[in-house]
Amino acid sequence: MPFVVYIGDKLKAIRTKRLLTQVELAEKAGVNHSTIVNIERNHQEPHFRTIRKVAKALDVDPTELLGE
């Protein structure tokens, strides 16, 4: 059985805590707005490089997005 990590809820919680919109986070992370939307809706499983970019933009360790 494959292991799938859904980080959408965690990402949204951290983003809203930082008072960022999806567009602002996408710009800070250097990714498309649709990427943030799809991750938050758990419609897309991001590459680890995308997780690193988003984590850096949020000033968190990438493992914070992957943890429970």
Protein backbone atom coordinates (compact mmCIF):
# COMPACT_ATOMS: atom_id res chain seq x y z
CA MET A 1 0.00 0.00 0.00
CA PRO A 2 1.55 3.34 -1.04
CA PHE A 3 2.22 5.99 1.57
CA VAL A 4 0.55 9.32 0.74
CA VAL A 5 0.99 12.46 2.79
CA TYR A 6 -1.76 15.07 2.68
CA ILE A 7 -0.31 18.38 3.76
CA GLY A 8 -3.15 20.64 2.64
CA ASP A 9 -4.75 21.20 6.04
CA LYS A 10 -1.41 21.79 7.72
CA LEU A 11 -0.32 24.18 4.97
CA LYS A 12 -3.54 26.18 5.18
CA ALA A 13 -3.35 26.41 8.97
CA ILE A 14 0.21 27.74 8.91
CA ARG A 15 -0.52 30.10 6.00
CA THR A 16 -3.56 31.64 7.68
CA LYS A 17 -1.68 31.92 10.98
CA ARG A 18 0.94 33.94 9.10
CA LEU A 19 -1.89 36.10 7.65
CA LEU A 20 -0.94 35.28 4.07
CA THR A 21 -3.29 34.80 1.15
CA GLN A 22 -2.74 31.92 -1.25
CA VAL A 23 -1.52 34.40 -3.86
CA GLU A 24 0.97 35.99 -1.45
CA LEU A 25 2.33 32.61 -0.41
CA ALA A 26 2.66 31.50 -4.03
CA GLU A 27 4.62 34.66 -4.86
CA LYS A 28 6.90 34.29 -1.83
CA ALA A 29 7.53 30.62 -2.63
CA GLY A 30 7.99 31.16 -6.36
CA VAL A 31 5.24 28.72 -7.35
CA ASN A 32 1.95 29.10 -9.22
CA HIS A 33 -1.13 30.15 -7.27
CA SER A 34 -2.88 27.03 -8.57
CA THR A 35 -0.18 24.90 -6.95
CA ILE A 36 -1.02 26.31 -3.50
CA VAL A 37 -4.75 25.89 -4.14
CA ASN A 38 -4.34 22.27 -5.26
CA ILE A 39 -2.08 21.37 -2.34
CA GLU A 40 -4.46 22.91 0.21
CA ARG A 41 -7.37 20.99 -1.31
CA ASN A 42 -5.27 17.80 -1.28
CA HIS A 43 -5.75 17.52 -5.05
CA GLN A 44 -2.01 17.49 -5.68
CA GLU A 45 0.83 15.71 -3.95
CA PRO A 46 3.71 18.19 -4.16
CA HIS A 47 7.29 17.36 -5.04
CA PHE A 48 9.68 17.72 -2.14
CA ARG A 49 11.32 20.72 -3.83
CA THR A 50 7.93 22.47 -3.78
CA ILE A 51 7.49 21.59 -0.11
CA ARG A 52 10.93 23.11 0.59
CA LYS A 53 10.04 26.33 -1.27
CA VAL A 54 6.71 26.70 0.54
CA ALA A 55 8.27 25.90 3.91
CA LYS A 56 10.98 28.49 3.35
CA ALA A 57 8.36 31.09 2.38
CA LEU A 58 6.46 30.28 5.60
CA ASP A 59 9.69 30.25 7.65
CA VAL A 60 9.10 26.70 8.91
CA ASP A 61 11.01 23.45 8.62
CA PRO A 62 9.65 21.26 5.79
CA THR A 63 8.92 18.50 8.32
CA GLU A 64 6.38 20.82 9.96
CA LEU A 65 4.26 20.56 6.83
CA LEU A 66 4.59 16.80 6.75
CA GLY A 67 3.91 16.11 10.43
CA GLU A 68 0.57 15.55 12.08
